[in-house]
Protein backbone atom coordinates (compact mmCIF):
# COMPACT_ATOMS: atom_id res chain seq x y z
CA LYS A 1 8.02 -48.14 15.27
CA ARG A 2 8.74 -46.22 12.08
CA ALA A 3 6.30 -46.26 9.23
CA CYS A 4 6.77 -48.08 5.97
CA VAL A 5 8.12 -45.82 3.25
CA PHE A 6 4.78 -46.08 1.42
CA CYS A 7 2.57 -45.52 4.51
CA PRO A 8 -0.80 -44.10 3.39
CA TYR A 9 -1.27 -42.47 6.81
CA ARG A 10 1.66 -40.10 6.29
CA SER A 11 0.72 -36.42 6.64
CA GLU A 12 1.25 -33.85 3.90
CA TRP A 13 4.11 -32.44 5.97
CA ALA A 14 5.76 -35.85 6.26
CA TRP A 15 5.44 -36.53 2.51
CA ALA A 16 6.91 -33.11 1.69
CA LYS A 17 9.75 -33.66 4.16
CA MET A 18 10.53 -37.09 2.71
CA LYS A 19 10.50 -35.70 -0.83
CA THR A 20 13.01 -32.96 0.01
CA GLU A 21 15.13 -34.60 2.71
CA ASP A 22 15.10 -38.27 1.69
CA PRO A 23 14.59 -38.44 -2.08
CA GLN A 24 15.67 -42.11 -2.22
CA SER A 25 12.86 -43.13 0.13
CA PHE A 26 10.42 -40.91 -1.76
CA GLU A 27 11.44 -42.63 -4.99
CA LYS A 28 10.80 -46.04 -3.38
CA ALA A 29 7.37 -44.84 -2.25
CA CYS A 30 6.60 -43.62 -5.78
CA GLU A 31 7.67 -46.95 -7.25
CA TYR A 32 5.46 -48.81 -4.79
CA ASP A 33 2.57 -46.46 -5.59
CA GLU A 34 2.97 -47.23 -9.31
CA ARG A 35 3.26 -51.00 -8.79
CA MET A 36 0.09 -51.18 -6.72
CA ARG A 37 -2.04 -49.08 -9.09
CA ASP A 38 -3.76 -51.92 -10.95
CA VAL A 39 -3.41 -54.80 -8.49
CA ARG A 40 -7.14 -54.74 -7.72
CA PRO A 41 -9.15 -55.24 -10.95
CA GLY A 42 -11.64 -52.47 -11.64
CA TYR A 43 -10.33 -50.20 -8.89
CA GLN A 44 -7.12 -48.16 -8.98
CA LEU A 45 -5.10 -47.96 -5.77
CA PHE A 46 -3.01 -45.01 -4.62
CA VAL A 47 -0.69 -44.35 -1.68
CA HIS A 48 -1.76 -40.71 -1.32
CA ARG A 49 -5.27 -39.94 -0.06
CA SER A 50 -5.93 -37.60 -3.01
CA ARG A 51 -6.04 -40.68 -5.28
CA THR A 52 -3.33 -39.03 -7.35
CA PRO A 53 -0.06 -40.69 -8.35
CA LEU A 54 2.44 -39.81 -5.63
CA ARG A 55 4.89 -38.31 -8.17
CA ASP A 56 2.18 -35.82 -9.23
CA VAL A 57 1.03 -34.66 -5.79
CA VAL A 58 1.74 -31.02 -4.94
CA PHE A 59 2.19 -31.05 -1.18
CA GLN A 60 0.59 -28.00 0.44
CA ALA A 61 1.44 -28.44 4.12
CA ASN A 62 4.15 -26.42 5.84
CA ASP A 63 3.38 -27.80 9.28
CA VAL A 64 2.70 -31.32 10.59
CA ARG A 65 -0.71 -30.14 11.84
CA THR A 66 -1.78 -28.76 8.46
CA LEU A 67 -3.88 -31.12 6.37
CA ALA A 68 -2.97 -34.16 8.46
CA LEU A 69 -5.21 -37.11 7.78
CA PHE A 70 -5.95 -37.68 11.48
CA GLY A 71 -6.20 -34.26 13.09
CA ASP A 72 -3.02 -32.96 14.65
CA PHE A 73 -0.74 -35.89 14.16
CA ASP A 74 1.08 -37.84 11.59
CA MET A 75 -0.24 -41.37 12.04
CA SER A 76 2.78 -42.80 10.21
CA LEU A 77 5.01 -41.87 13.15
CA SER A 78 2.54 -42.71 15.92
CA GLY A 79 0.83 -45.70 17.40
CA GLY A 80 -1.30 -45.84 14.25
CA CYS A 81 1.52 -47.63 12.51
CA GLY A 82 1.83 -50.19 15.30
CA GLU A 83 -1.92 -50.74 15.24
CA GLY A 84 -1.79 -52.00 11.64
CA TYR A 85 -4.35 -49.55 10.25
CA CYS A 86 -2.91 -50.15 6.78
CA GLY A 87 -3.40 -53.90 7.00
CA LEU A 88 0.27 -54.86 7.19
C-alpha cells in the first residue's frame, strides 16, 4: 500500500524526493497541510514533524536512513501505512 500524499510518517528523504520529483503531489501535500492547520481549536496541526508549514521545511536528508522518523525506514512506504498509525 502506498502512503497518502500528506502522510506524516514520511521520512525527510521521501519528502525531499517528492518535492523534487513529484512537485504536483508535494503541492497537494502543502495544500492539505495548510487546510488542516486550524481544524483543532487551540492547537495548530502540521504534516511535518518539525511543526513547521510543509512549504517552509528545509529537508536535510540525503539518504532514506538519515533523520527518518522510525529508525532506518520510511514508514510511509512500509507496513506502518497499512497499520493506520495516522488514524486513517
